[in-house]
């Protein structure tokens, strides 16, 4: 409950499992994951991932070529960048099980939310 995990190296992992917890990474190819209710997973490195498995949780990806996934009732904040790391767009979606599905990776490409490779 109310836990925090943070890492910053290449291929790092930050994971928490309590409600209202936070996991954050900033290294390339890193992973941030949470499983608690109303938790947050955030990452900013190149080719990094964020995933949440708690209702009303948020997964945030802000790096280049990132992806995120969540459960029904969670939110994803996706960022698209060009090769010089300039922000091209940011979108938030709710995993509702109708338009966006649980346990499916998503990314932002060309201003559109699309499924990402696992």
PDB file of N, CA and C in Angstrom:
ATOM      1  N   UNK A   1       0.845  -1.181   0.000  1.00  0.00           N
ATOM      2  CA  UNK A   1       0.000   0.000   0.000  1.00  0.00           C
ATOM      3  C   UNK A   1       0.886   1.239   0.000  1.00  0.00           C
ATOM      4  N   UNK A   2       0.608   2.160  -0.940  1.00  0.00           N
ATOM      5  CA  UNK A   2       1.356   3.412  -1.072  1.00  0.00           C
ATOM      6  C   UNK A   2       2.859   3.193  -1.283  1.00  0.00           C
ATOM      7  N   UNK A   3       3.224   2.122  -1.966  1.00  0.00           N
ATOM      8  CA  UNK A   3       4.633   1.821  -2.223  1.00  0.00           C
ATOM      9  C   UNK A   3       5.161   2.620  -3.402  1.00  0.00           C
ATOM     10  N   UNK A   4       6.487   2.748  -3.473  1.00  0.00           N
ATOM     11  CA  UNK A   4       7.140   3.411  -4.596  1.00  0.00           C
ATOM     12  C   UNK A   4       8.376   2.613  -4.994  1.00  0.00           C
ATOM     13  N   UNK A   5       8.542   2.412  -6.295  1.00  0.00           N
ATOM     14  CA  UNK A   5       9.756   1.793  -6.829  1.00  0.00           C
ATOM     15  C   UNK A   5      10.196   2.634  -8.012  1.00  0.00           C
ATOM     16  N   UNK A   6      11.484   2.932  -8.075  1.00  0.00           N
ATOM     17  CA  UNK A   6      12.004   3.757  -9.174  1.00  0.00           C
ATOM     18  C   UNK A   6      13.383   3.253  -9.582  1.00  0.00           C
ATOM     19  N   UNK A   7      13.617   3.217 -10.906  1.00  0.00           N
ATOM     20  CA  UNK A   7      14.920   2.812 -11.431  1.00  0.00           C
ATOM     21  C   UNK A   7      15.300   3.741 -12.570  1.00  0.00           C
ATOM     22  N   UNK A   8      16.605   3.753 -12.931  1.00  0.00           N
ATOM     23  CA  UNK A   8      17.011   4.646 -14.007  1.00  0.00           C
ATOM     24  C   UNK A   8      18.059   4.063 -14.949  1.00  0.00           C
ATOM     25  N   UNK A   9      18.359   2.808 -14.884  1.00  0.00           N
ATOM     26  CA  UNK A   9      19.371   2.237 -15.767  1.00  0.00           C
ATOM     27  C   UNK A   9      18.792   1.495 -16.955  1.00  0.00           C
ATOM     28  N   UNK A  10      19.650   1.190 -17.910  1.00  0.00           N
ATOM     29  CA  UNK A  10      19.295   0.423 -19.110  1.00  0.00           C
ATOM     30  C   UNK A  10      18.715  -0.920 -18.696  1.00  0.00           C
ATOM     31  N   UNK A  11      17.594  -1.322 -19.308  1.00  0.00           N
ATOM     32  CA  UNK A  11      16.911  -2.589 -19.032  1.00  0.00           C
ATOM     33  C   UNK A  11      16.461  -2.718 -17.576  1.00  0.00           C
ATOM     34  N   UNK A  12      16.115  -1.605 -16.950  1.00  0.00           N
ATOM     35  CA  UNK A  12      15.682  -1.618 -15.557  1.00  0.00           C
ATOM     36  C   UNK A  12      14.223  -2.013 -15.427  1.00  0.00           C
ATOM     37  N   UNK A  13      13.845  -2.465 -14.233  1.00  0.00           N
ATOM     38  CA  UNK A  13      12.461  -2.808 -13.934  1.00  0.00           C
ATOM     39  C   UNK A  13      12.079  -2.210 -12.593  1.00  0.00           C
ATOM     40  N   UNK A  14      10.905  -1.579 -12.552  1.00  0.00           N
ATOM     41  CA  UNK A  14      10.335  -1.097 -11.302  1.00  0.00           C
ATOM     42  C   UNK A  14       8.937  -1.677 -11.211  1.00  0.00           C
ATOM     43  N   UNK A  15       8.629  -2.351 -10.104  1.00  0.00           N
ATOM     44  CA  UNK A  15       7.321  -2.994  -9.963  1.00  0.00           C
ATOM     45  C   UNK A  15       6.794  -2.821  -8.552  1.00  0.00           C
ATOM     46  N   UNK A  16       5.487  -2.583  -8.441  1.00  0.00           N
ATOM     47  CA  UNK A  16       4.831  -2.493  -7.136  1.00  0.00           C
ATOM     48  C   UNK A  16       3.534  -3.277  -7.197  1.00  0.00           C
ATOM     49  N   UNK A  17       3.035  -3.697  -6.033  1.00  0.00           N
ATOM     50  CA  UNK A  17       1.796  -4.472  -6.026  1.00  0.00           C
ATOM     51  C   UNK A  17       0.746  -3.955  -5.059  1.00  0.00           C
ATOM     52  N   UNK A  18       1.000  -2.896  -4.336  1.00  0.00           N
ATOM     53  CA  UNK A  18       0.017  -2.361  -3.398  1.00  0.00           C
ATOM     54  C   UNK A  18      -0.851  -1.279  -3.994  1.00  0.00           C
ATOM     55  N   UNK A  19      -2.046  -1.098  -3.432  1.00  0.00           N
ATOM     56  CA  UNK A  19      -2.946  -0.033  -3.876  1.00  0.00           C
ATOM     57  C   UNK A  19      -2.269   1.324  -3.725  1.00  0.00           C
ATOM     58  N   UNK A  20      -2.578   2.230  -4.652  1.00  0.00           N
ATOM     59  CA  UNK A  20      -2.073   3.606  -4.644  1.00  0.00           C
ATOM     60  C   UNK A  20      -0.544   3.673  -4.712  1.00  0.00           C
ATOM     61  N   UNK A  21       0.063   2.704  -5.369  1.00  0.00           N
ATOM     62  CA  UNK A  21       1.521   2.646  -5.477  1.00  0.00           C
ATOM     63  C   UNK A  21       2.006   3.226  -6.792  1.00  0.00           C
ATOM     64  N   UNK A  22       3.331   3.462  -6.886  1.00  0.00           N
ATOM     65  CA  UNK A  22       3.936   4.032  -8.084  1.00  0.00           C
ATOM     66  C   UNK A  22       5.185   3.252  -8.466  1.00  0.00           C
ATOM     67  N   UNK A  23       5.316   2.969  -9.757  1.00  0.00           N
ATOM     68  CA  UNK A  23       6.539   2.385 -10.306  1.00  0.00           C
ATOM     69  C   UNK A  23       6.985   3.292 -11.438  1.00  0.00           C
ATOM     70  N   UNK A  24       8.264   3.657 -11.458  1.00  0.00           N
ATOM     71  CA  UNK A  24       8.765   4.575 -12.484  1.00  0.00           C
ATOM     72  C   UNK A  24      10.152   4.159 -12.943  1.00  0.00           C
ATOM     73  N   UNK A  25      10.388   4.259 -14.260  1.00  0.00           N
ATOM     74  CA  UNK A  25      11.710   3.981 -14.822  1.00  0.00           C
ATOM     75  C   UNK A  25      12.073   5.068 -15.821  1.00  0.00           C
ATOM     76  N   UNK A  26      13.386   5.252 -16.020  1.00  0.00           N
ATOM     77  CA  UNK A  26      13.817   6.233 -17.013  1.00  0.00           C
ATOM     78  C   UNK A  26      14.890   5.699 -17.956  1.00  0.00           C
ATOM     79  N   UNK A  27      15.301   4.468 -17.819  1.00  0.00           N
ATOM     80  CA  UNK A  27      16.316   3.914 -18.694  1.00  0.00           C
ATOM     81  C   UNK A  27      15.740   3.314 -19.965  1.00  0.00           C
ATOM     82  N   UNK A  28      16.554   3.245 -21.019  1.00  0.00           N
ATOM     83  CA  UNK A  28      16.111   2.636 -22.270  1.00  0.00           C
ATOM     84  C   UNK A  28      15.761   1.168 -22.049  1.00  0.00           C
ATOM     85  N   UNK A  29      14.707   0.718 -22.751  1.00  0.00           N
ATOM     86  CA  UNK A  29      14.223  -0.667 -22.683  1.00  0.00           C
ATOM     87  C   UNK A  29      13.852  -1.094 -21.268  1.00  0.00           C
ATOM     88  N   UNK A  30      13.350  -0.167 -20.485  1.00  0.00           N
ATOM     89  CA  UNK A  30      12.966  -0.454 -19.112  1.00  0.00           C
ATOM     90  C   UNK A  30      11.470  -0.726 -18.998  1.00  0.00           C
ATOM     91  N   UNK A  31      11.071  -1.268 -17.848  1.00  0.00           N
ATOM     92  CA  UNK A  31       9.676  -1.618 -17.598  1.00  0.00           C
ATOM     93  C   UNK A  31       9.227  -1.064 -16.256  1.00  0.00           C
ATOM     94  N   UNK A  32       8.044  -0.461 -16.242  1.00  0.00           N
ATOM     95  CA  UNK A  32       7.394  -0.038 -15.001  1.00  0.00           C
ATOM     96  C   UNK A  32       6.058  -0.754 -14.944  1.00  0.00           C
ATOM     97  N   UNK A  33       5.771  -1.419 -13.817  1.00  0.00           N
ATOM     98  CA  UNK A  33       4.535  -2.192 -13.705  1.00  0.00           C
ATOM     99  C   UNK A  33       3.951  -2.078 -12.305  1.00  0.00           C
ATOM    100  N   UNK A  34       2.625  -1.985 -12.244  1.00  0.00           N
ATOM    101  CA  UNK A  34       1.929  -1.965 -10.963  1.00  0.00           C
ATOM    102  C   UNK A  34       0.718  -2.890 -11.030  1.00  0.00           C
ATOM    103  N   UNK A  35       0.300  -3.401  -9.880  1.00  0.00           N
ATOM    104  CA  UNK A  35      -0.887  -4.255  -9.859  1.00  0.00           C
ATOM    105  C   UNK A  35      -1.918  -3.800  -8.831  1.00  0.00           C
ATOM    106  N   UNK A  36      -1.676  -2.718  -8.146  1.00  0.00           N
ATOM    107  CA  UNK A  36      -2.613  -2.229  -7.140  1.00  0.00           C
ATOM    108  C   UNK A  36      -3.653  -1.276  -7.703  1.00  0.00           C
ATOM    109  N   UNK A  37      -4.765  -1.180  -7.008  1.00  0.00           N
ATOM    110  CA  UNK A  37      -5.867  -0.281  -7.333  1.00  0.00           C
ATOM    111  C   UNK A  37      -5.381   1.165  -7.270  1.00  0.00           C
ATOM    112  N   UNK A  38      -5.731   1.960  -8.294  1.00  0.00           N
ATOM    113  CA  UNK A  38      -5.374   3.384  -8.385  1.00  0.00           C
ATOM    114  C   UNK A  38      -3.864   3.633  -8.327  1.00  0.00           C
ATOM    115  N   UNK A  39      -3.101   2.780  -8.955  1.00  0.00           N
ATOM    116  CA  UNK A  39      -1.650   2.907  -8.975  1.00  0.00           C
ATOM    117  C   UNK A  39      -1.177   3.547 -10.277  1.00  0.00           C
ATOM    118  N   UNK A  40       0.118   3.870 -10.349  1.00  0.00           N
ATOM    119  CA  UNK A  40       0.692   4.513 -11.522  1.00  0.00           C
ATOM    120  C   UNK A  40       1.986   3.826 -11.935  1.00  0.00           C
ATOM    121  N   UNK A  41       2.116   3.575 -13.232  1.00  0.00           N
ATOM    122  CA  UNK A  41       3.366   3.081 -13.807  1.00  0.00           C
ATOM    123  C   UNK A  41       3.779   4.084 -14.876  1.00  0.00           C
ATOM    124  N   UNK A  42       5.020   4.547 -14.818  1.00  0.00           N
ATOM    125  CA  UNK A  42       5.473   5.562 -15.772  1.00  0.00           C
ATOM    126  C   UNK A  42       6.887   5.255 -16.230  1.00  0.00           C
ATOM    127  N   UNK A  43       7.137   5.515 -17.518  1.00  0.00           N
ATOM    128  CA  UNK A  43       8.470   5.297 -18.070  1.00  0.00           C
ATOM    129  C   UNK A  43       8.778   6.352 -19.121  1.00  0.00           C
ATOM    130  N   UNK A  44      10.069   6.667 -19.270  1.00  0.00           N
ATOM    131  CA  UNK A  44      10.455   7.696 -20.232  1.00  0.00           C
ATOM    132  C   UNK A  44      11.590   7.270 -21.151  1.00  0.00           C
ATOM    133  N   UNK A  45      12.083   6.072 -21.041  1.00  0.00           N
ATOM    134  CA  UNK A  45      13.206   5.636 -21.861  1.00  0.00           C
ATOM    135  C   UNK A  45      12.787   5.133 -23.235  1.00  0.00           C
ATOM    136  N   UNK A  46      13.748   5.039 -24.126  1.00  0.00           N
ATOM    137  CA  UNK A  46      13.551   4.523 -25.482  1.00  0.00           C
ATOM    138  C   UNK A  46      13.143   3.055 -25.413  1.00  0.00           C
ATOM    139  N   UNK A  47      12.105   2.668 -26.169  1.00  0.00           N
ATOM    140  CA  UNK A  47      11.599   1.292 -26.236  1.00  0.00           C
ATOM    141  C   UNK A  47      11.199   0.738 -24.874  1.00  0.00           C
ATOM    142  N   UNK A  48      10.684   1.588 -23.995  1.00  0.00           N
ATOM    143  CA  UNK A  48      10.273   1.147 -22.665  1.00  0.00           C
ATOM    144  C   UNK A  48       8.784   0.846 -22.612  1.00  0.00           C
ATOM    145  N   UNK A  49       8.372   0.172 -21.541  1.00  0.00           N
ATOM    146  CA  UNK A  49       6.976  -0.234 -21.394  1.00  0.00           C
ATOM    147  C   UNK A  49       6.445   0.129 -20.010  1.00  0.00           C
ATOM    148  N   UNK A  50       5.148   0.393 -19.967  1.00  0.00           N
ATOM    149  CA  UNK A  50       4.461   0.616 -18.698  1.00  0.00           C
ATOM    150  C   UNK A  50       3.180  -0.198 -18.727  1.00  0.00           C
ATOM    151  N   UNK A  51       2.887  -0.880 -17.617  1.00  0.00           N
ATOM    152  CA  UNK A  51       1.648  -1.645 -17.553  1.00  0.00           C
ATOM    153  C   UNK A  51       1.053  -1.575 -16.160  1.00  0.00           C
ATOM    154  N   UNK A  52      -0.280  -1.564 -16.132  1.00  0.00           N
ATOM    155  CA  UNK A  52      -1.015  -1.507 -14.870  1.00  0.00           C
ATOM    156  C   UNK A  52      -2.077  -2.602 -14.857  1.00  0.00           C
ATOM    157  N   UNK A  53      -2.273  -3.163 -13.678  1.00  0.00           N
ATOM    158  CA  UNK A  53      -3.250  -4.240 -13.523  1.00  0.00           C
ATOM    159  C   UNK A  53      -4.168  -3.974 -12.346  1.00  0.00           C
ATOM    160  N   UNK A  54      -4.499  -2.720 -12.129  1.00  0.00           N
ATOM    161  CA  UNK A  54      -5.434  -2.334 -11.091  1.00  0.00           C
ATOM    162  C   UNK A  54      -6.414  -1.309 -11.634  1.00  0.00           C
ATOM    163  N   UNK A  55      -7.682  -1.456 -11.272  1.00  0.00           N
ATOM    164  CA  UNK A  55      -8.713  -0.532 -11.742  1.00  0.00           C
ATOM    165  C   UNK A  55      -8.382   0.892 -11.319  1.00  0.00           C
ATOM    166  N   UNK A  56      -8.686   1.842 -12.196  1.00  0.00           N
ATOM    167  CA  UNK A  56      -8.426   3.271 -12.014  1.00  0.00           C
ATOM    168  C   UNK A  56      -6.931   3.576 -11.876  1.00  0.00           C
ATOM    169  N   UNK A  57      -6.104   2.712 -12.426  1.00  0.00           N
ATOM    170  CA  UNK A  57      -4.662   2.956 -12.463  1.00  0.00           C
ATOM    171  C   UNK A  57      -4.296   3.613 -13.784  1.00  0.00           C
ATOM    172  N   UNK A  58      -3.086   4.181 -13.846  1.00  0.00           N
ATOM    173  CA  UNK A  58      -2.638   4.888 -15.041  1.00  0.00           C
ATOM    174  C   UNK A  58      -1.245   4.409 -15.438  1.00  0.00           C
ATOM    175  N   UNK A  59      -1.093   4.064 -16.720  1.00  0.00           N
ATOM    176  CA  UNK A  59       0.218   3.746 -17.292  1.00  0.00           C
ATOM    177  C   UNK A  59       0.605   4.905 -18.203  1.00  0.00           C
ATOM    178  N   UNK A  60       1.792   5.468 -18.001  1.00  0.00           N
ATOM    179  CA  UNK A  60       2.247   6.627 -18.754  1.00  0.00           C
ATOM    180  C   UNK A  60       3.561   6.289 -19.453  1.00  0.00           C
ATOM    181  N   UNK A  61       3.593   6.496 -20.776  1.00  0.00           N
ATOM    182  CA  UNK A  61       4.836   6.324 -21.530  1.00  0.00           C
ATOM    183  C   UNK A  61       5.154   7.632 -22.236  1.00  0.00           C
ATOM    184  N   UNK A  62       6.386   8.110 -22.055  1.00  0.00           N
ATOM    185  CA  UNK A  62       6.748   9.404 -22.626  1.00  0.00           C
ATOM    186  C   UNK A  62       7.986   9.362 -23.501  1.00  0.00           C
ATOM    187  N   UNK A  63       8.598   8.211 -23.676  1.00  0.00           N
ATOM    188  CA  UNK A  63       9.804   8.104 -24.475  1.00  0.00           C
ATOM    189  C   UNK A  63       9.518   7.807 -25.936  1.00  0.00           C
ATOM    190  N   UNK A  64      10.560   7.496 -26.664  1.00  0.00           N
ATOM    191  CA  UNK A  64      10.475   7.179 -28.090  1.00  0.00           C
ATOM    192  C   UNK A  64      10.162   5.702 -28.275  1.00  0.00           C
ATOM    193  N   UNK A  65       9.168   5.393 -29.120  1.00  0.00           N
ATOM    194  CA  UNK A  65       8.787   4.013 -29.438  1.00  0.00           C
ATOM    195  C   UNK A  65       8.404   3.196 -28.202  1.00  0.00           C
ATOM    196  N   UNK A  66       7.630   3.788 -27.304  1.00  0.00           N
ATOM    197  CA  UNK A  66       7.165   3.115 -26.100  1.00  0.00           C
ATOM    198  C   UNK A  66       5.814   2.476 -26.317  1.00  0.00           C
ATOM    199  N   UNK A  67       5.396   1.640 -25.358  1.00  0.00           N
ATOM    200  CA  UNK A  67       4.074   1.033 -25.399  1.00  0.00           C
ATOM    201  C   UNK A  67       3.572   0.824 -23.984  1.00  0.00           C
ATOM    202  N   UNK A  68       2.233   0.723 -23.880  1.00  0.00           N
ATOM    203  CA  UNK A  68       1.598   0.545 -22.574  1.00  0.00           C
ATOM    204  C   UNK A  68       0.417  -0.397 -22.706  1.00  0.00           C
ATOM    205  N   UNK A  69       0.056  -1.018 -21.564  1.00  0.00           N
ATOM    206  CA  UNK A  69      -1.143  -1.855 -21.512  1.00  0.00           C
ATOM    207  C   UNK A  69      -1.726  -1.804 -20.113  1.00  0.00           C
ATOM    208  N   UNK A  70      -2.999  -2.179 -20.029  1.00  0.00           N
ATOM    209  CA  UNK A  70      -3.667  -2.148 -18.730  1.00  0.00           C
ATOM    210  C   UNK A  70      -4.865  -3.071 -18.693  1.00  0.00           C
ATOM    211  N   UNK A  71      -5.577  -3.039 -17.580  1.00  0.00           N
ATOM    212  CA  UNK A  71      -6.786  -3.843 -17.400  1.00  0.00           C
ATOM    213  C   UNK A  71      -8.008  -2.959 -17.645  1.00  0.00           C
ATOM    214  N   UNK A  72      -9.170  -3.581 -17.730  1.00  0.00           N
ATOM    215  CA  UNK A  72     -10.411  -2.811 -17.893  1.00  0.00           C
ATOM    216  C   UNK A  72     -10.553  -1.871 -16.694  1.00  0.00           C
ATOM    217  N   UNK A  73     -10.840  -0.615 -16.993  1.00  0.00           N
ATOM    218  CA  UNK A  73     -10.986   0.400 -15.953  1.00  0.00           C
ATOM    219  C   UNK A  73      -9.719   1.190 -15.699  1.00  0.00           C
ATOM    220  N   UNK A  74      -8.638   0.860 -16.392  1.00  0.00           N
ATOM    221  CA  UNK A  74      -7.395   1.616 -16.241  1.00  0.00           C
ATOM    222  C   UNK A  74      -7.241   2.579 -17.414  1.00  0.00           C
ATOM    223  N   UNK A  75      -6.266   3.453 -17.311  1.00  0.00           N
ATOM    224  CA  UNK A  75      -6.005   4.466 -18.338  1.00  0.00           C
ATOM    225  C   UNK A  75      -4.574   4.351 -18.833  1.00  0.00           C
ATOM    226  N   UNK A  76      -4.382   4.668 -20.115  1.00  0.00           N
ATOM    227  CA  UNK A  76      -3.053   4.722 -20.711  1.00  0.00           C
ATOM    228  C   UNK A  76      -2.823   6.131 -21.243  1.00  0.00           C
ATOM    229  N   UNK A  77      -1.650   6.686 -20.988  1.00  0.00           N
ATOM    230  CA  UNK A  77      -1.253   7.976 -21.550  1.00  0.00           C
ATOM    231  C   UNK A  77      -0.076   7.692 -22.477  1.00  0.00           C
ATOM    232  N   UNK A  78      -0.303   7.902 -23.763  1.00  0.00           N
ATOM    233  CA  UNK A  78       0.658   7.537 -24.797  1.00  0.00           C
ATOM    234  C   UNK A  78       1.264   8.788 -25.427  1.00  0.00           C
ATOM    235  N   UNK A  79       2.573   8.751 -25.655  1.00  0.00           N
ATOM    236  CA  UNK A  79       3.288   9.877 -26.251  1.00  0.00           C
ATOM    237  C   UNK A  79       3.959   9.425 -27.533  1.00  0.00           C
ATOM    238  N   UNK A  80       3.847  10.245 -28.573  1.00  0.00           N
ATOM    239  CA  UNK A  80       4.549   9.980 -29.830  1.00  0.00           C
ATOM    240  C   UNK A  80       5.651  11.017 -29.995  1.00  0.00           C
ATOM    241  N   UNK A  81       6.850  10.547 -30.365  1.00  0.00           N
ATOM    242  CA  UNK A  81       7.993  11.439 -30.576  1.00  0.00           C
ATOM    243  C   UNK A  81       8.635  11.135 -31.928  1.00  0.00           C
ATOM    244  N   UNK A  82       9.332  12.136 -32.478  1.00  0.00           N
ATOM    245  CA  UNK A  82      10.097  11.883 -33.701  1.00  0.00           C
ATOM    246  C   UNK A  82      11.501  11.403 -33.308  1.00  0.00           C
ATOM    247  N   UNK A  83      12.334  11.140 -34.296  1.00  0.00           N
ATOM    248  CA  UNK A  83      13.668  10.600 -34.027  1.00  0.00           C
ATOM    249  C   UNK A  83      14.573  11.557 -33.264  1.00  0.00           C
ATOM    250  N   UNK A  84      14.205  12.833 -33.209  1.00  0.00           N
ATOM    251  CA  UNK A  84      14.960  13.819 -32.432  1.00  0.00           C
ATOM    252  C   UNK A  84      14.330  14.050 -31.056  1.00  0.00           C
ATOM    253  N   UNK A  85      13.375  13.199 -30.698  1.00  0.00           N
ATOM    254  CA  UNK A  85      12.682  13.216 -29.408  1.00  0.00           C
ATOM    255  C   UNK A  85      11.726  14.400 -29.229  1.00  0.00           C
ATOM    256  N   UNK A  86      11.370  15.082 -30.324  1.00  0.00           N
ATOM    257  CA  UNK A  86      10.363  16.131 -30.238  1.00  0.00           C
ATOM    258  C   UNK A  86       8.996  15.467 -30.093  1.00  0.00           C
ATOM    259  N   UNK A  87       8.157  16.019 -29.234  1.00  0.00           N
ATOM    260  CA  UNK A  87       6.821  15.459 -29.012  1.00  0.00           C
ATOM    261  C   UNK A  87       5.931  15.795 -30.196  1.00  0.00           C
ATOM    262  N   UNK A  88       5.334  14.763 -30.776  1.00  0.00           N
ATOM    263  CA  UNK A  88       4.405  14.933 -31.886  1.00  0.00           C
ATOM    264  C   UNK A  88       2.951  14.884 -31.416  1.00  0.00           C
ATOM    265  N   UNK A  89       2.722  14.227 -30.299  1.00  0.00           N
ATOM    266  CA  UNK A  89       1.367  14.136 -29.777  1.00  0.00           C
ATOM    267  C   UNK A  89       1.312  13.328 -28.500  1.00  0.00           C
ATOM    268  N   UNK A  90       0.234  13.548 -27.742  1.00  0.00           N
ATOM    269  CA  UNK A  90      -0.030  12.819 -26.506  1.00  0.00           C
ATOM    270  C   UNK A  90      -1.523  12.515 -26.474  1.00  0.00           C
ATOM    271  N   UNK A  91      -1.880  11.274 -26.135  1.00  0.00           N
ATOM    272  CA  UNK A  91      -3.293  10.897 -26.023  1.00  0.00           C
ATOM    273  C   UNK A  91      -3.492  10.011 -24.802  1.00  0.00           C
ATOM    274  N   UNK A  92      -4.644  10.157 -24.195  1.00  0.00           N
ATOM    275  CA  UNK A  92      -5.043   9.294 -23.078  1.00  0.00           C
ATOM    276  C   UNK A  92      -6.257   8.477 -23.507  1.00  0.00           C
ATOM    277  N   UNK A  93      -6.230   7.191 -23.155  1.00  0.00           N
ATOM    278  CA  UNK A  93      -7.365   6.316 -23.463  1.00  0.00           C
ATOM    279  C   UNK A  93      -7.740   5.519 -22.223  1.00  0.00           C
ATOM    280  N   UNK A  94      -8.993   5.123 -22.170  1.00  0.00           N
ATOM    281  CA  UNK A  94      -9.470   4.259 -21.097  1.00  0.00           C
ATOM    282  C   UNK A  94      -9.623   2.848 -21.651  1.00  0.00           C
ATOM    283  N   UNK A  95      -9.103   1.867 -20.954  1.00  0.00           N
ATOM    284  CA  UNK A  95      -9.283   0.477 -21.350  1.00  0.00           C
ATOM    285  C   UNK A  95     -10.695   0.080 -20.934  1.00  0.00           C
ATOM    286  N   UNK A  96     -11.586   0.023 -21.930  1.00  0.00           N
ATOM    287  CA  UNK A  96     -13.004  -0.201 -21.660  1.00  0.00           C
ATOM    288  C   UNK A  96     -13.484  -1.600 -22.053  1.00  0.00           C
ATOM    289  N   UNK A  97     -12.651  -2.365 -22.743  1.00  0.00           N
ATOM    290  CA  UNK A  97     -13.044  -3.701 -23.175  1.00  0.00           C
ATOM    291  C   UNK A  97     -13.881  -3.701 -24.433  1.00  0.00           C
ATOM    292  N   UNK A  98     -14.195  -2.525 -24.972  1.00  0.00           N
ATOM    293  CA  UNK A  98     -15.001  -2.424 -26.194  1.00  0.00           C
ATOM    294  C   UNK A  98     -14.182  -1.847 -27.347  1.00  0.00           C
ATOM    295  N   UNK A  99     -13.621  -0.668 -27.127  1.00  0.00           N
ATOM    296  CA  UNK A  99     -12.764  -0.056 -28.145  1.00  0.00           C
ATOM    297  C   UNK A  99     -11.295  -0.390 -27.894  1.00  0.00           C
ATOM    298  N   UNK A 100     -10.906  -0.390 -26.632  1.00  0.00           N
ATOM    299  CA  UNK A 100      -9.548  -0.719 -26.226  1.00  0.00           C
ATOM    300  C   UNK A 100      -9.609  -1.878 -25.241  1.00  0.00           C
ATOM    301  N   UNK A 101      -8.724  -2.868 -25.449  1.00  0.00           N
ATOM    302  CA  UNK A 101      -8.839  -4.139 -24.742  1.00  0.00           C
ATOM    303  C   UNK A 101      -7.762  -4.333 -23.680  1.00  0.00           C
ATOM    304  N   UNK A 102      -8.135  -5.051 -22.632  1.00  0.00           N
ATOM    305  CA  UNK A 102      -7.208  -5.391 -21.559  1.00  0.00           C
ATOM    306  C   UNK A 102      -6.072  -6.255 -22.090  1.00  0.00           C
ATOM    307  N   UNK A 103      -4.927  -6.139 -21.437  1.00  0.00           N
ATOM    308  CA  UNK A 103      -3.749  -6.955 -21.750  1.00  0.00           C
ATOM    309  C   UNK A 103      -3.326  -6.878 -23.211  1.00  0.00           C
ATOM    310  N   UNK A 104      -3.573  -5.737 -23.835  1.00  0.00           N
ATOM    311  CA  UNK A 104      -3.160  -5.472 -25.217  1.00  0.00           C
ATOM    312  C   UNK A 104      -2.231  -4.276 -25.207  1.00  0.00           C
ATOM    313  N   UNK A 105      -1.083  -4.404 -25.855  1.00  0.00           N
ATOM    314  CA  UNK A 105      -0.133  -3.297 -25.905  1.00  0.00           C
ATOM    315  C   UNK A 105      -0.610  -2.249 -26.903  1.00  0.00           C
ATOM    316  N   UNK A 106      -0.497  -0.969 -26.514  1.00  0.00           N
ATOM    317  CA  UNK A 106      -0.861   0.150 -27.379  1.00  0.00           C
ATOM    318  C   UNK A 106       0.280   1.149 -27.450  1.00  0.00           C
ATOM    319  N   UNK A 107       0.334   1.841 -28.592  1.00  0.00           N
ATOM    320  CA  UNK A 107       1.301   2.912 -28.800  1.00  0.00           C
ATOM    321  C   UNK A 107       0.619   3.999 -29.626  1.00  0.00           C
ATOM    322  N   UNK A 108       1.261   5.134 -29.763  1.00  0.00           N
ATOM    323  CA  UNK A 108       0.723   6.244 -30.553  1.00  0.00           C
ATOM    324  C   UNK A 108       1.584   6.400 -31.806  1.00  0.00           C
ATOM    325  N   UNK A 109       0.976   6.235 -32.976  1.00  0.00           N
ATOM    326  CA  UNK A 109       1.674   6.351 -34.272  1.00  0.00           C
ATOM    327  C   UNK A 109       0.850   7.209 -35.210  1.00  0.00           C
ATOM    328  N   UNK A 110       1.454   8.227 -35.793  1.00  0.00           N
ATOM    329  CA  UNK A 110       0.736   9.087 -36.719  1.00  0.00           C
ATOM    330  C   UNK A 110      -0.461   9.756 -36.076  1.00  0.00           C
ATOM    331  N   UNK A 111      -0.380  10.004 -34.762  1.00  0.00           N
ATOM    332  CA  UNK A 111      -1.469  10.652 -34.047  1.00  0.00           C
ATOM    333  C   UNK A 111      -2.617   9.727 -33.695  1.00  0.00           C
ATOM    334  N   UNK A 112      -2.479   8.425 -34.020  1.00  0.00           N
ATOM    335  CA  UNK A 112      -3.543   7.453 -33.741  1.00  0.00           C
ATOM    336  C   UNK A 112      -3.063   6.407 -32.758  1.00  0.00           C
ATOM    337  N   UNK A 113      -3.968   5.973 -31.902  1.00  0.00           N
ATOM    338  CA  UNK A 113      -3.677   4.884 -30.980  1.00  0.00           C
ATOM    339  C   UNK A 113      -3.773   3.579 -31.762  1.00  0.00           C
ATOM    340  N   UNK A 114      -2.704   2.802 -31.748  1.00  0.00           N
ATOM    341  CA  UNK A 114      -2.660   1.535 -32.470  1.00  0.00           C
ATOM    342  C   UNK A 114      -2.113   0.443 -31.559  1.00  0.00           C
ATOM    343  N   UNK A 115      -2.460  -0.803 -31.914  1.00  0.00           N
ATOM    344  CA  UNK A 115      -1.906  -1.940 -31.182  1.00  0.00           C
ATOM    345  C   UNK A 115      -0.415  -2.032 -31.481  1.00  0.00           C
ATOM    346  N   UNK A 116       0.338  -2.359 -30.458  1.00  0.00           N
ATOM    347  CA  UNK A 116       1.788  -2.499 -30.596  1.00  0.00           C
ATOM    348  C   UNK A 116       2.153  -3.984 -30.545  1.00  0.00           C
ATOM    349  N   UNK A 117       3.290  -4.315 -31.099  1.00  0.00           N
ATOM    350  CA  UNK A 117       3.790  -5.691 -31.035  1.00  0.00           C
ATOM    351  C   UNK A 117       4.076  -6.043 -29.571  1.00  0.00           C
ATOM    352  N   UNK A 118       3.804  -7.278 -29.200  1.00  0.00           N
ATOM    353  CA  UNK A 118       4.087  -7.700 -27.798  1.00  0.00           C
ATOM    354  C   UNK A 118       5.559  -7.632 -27.448  1.00  0.00           C
TER     355      UNK A 118
END
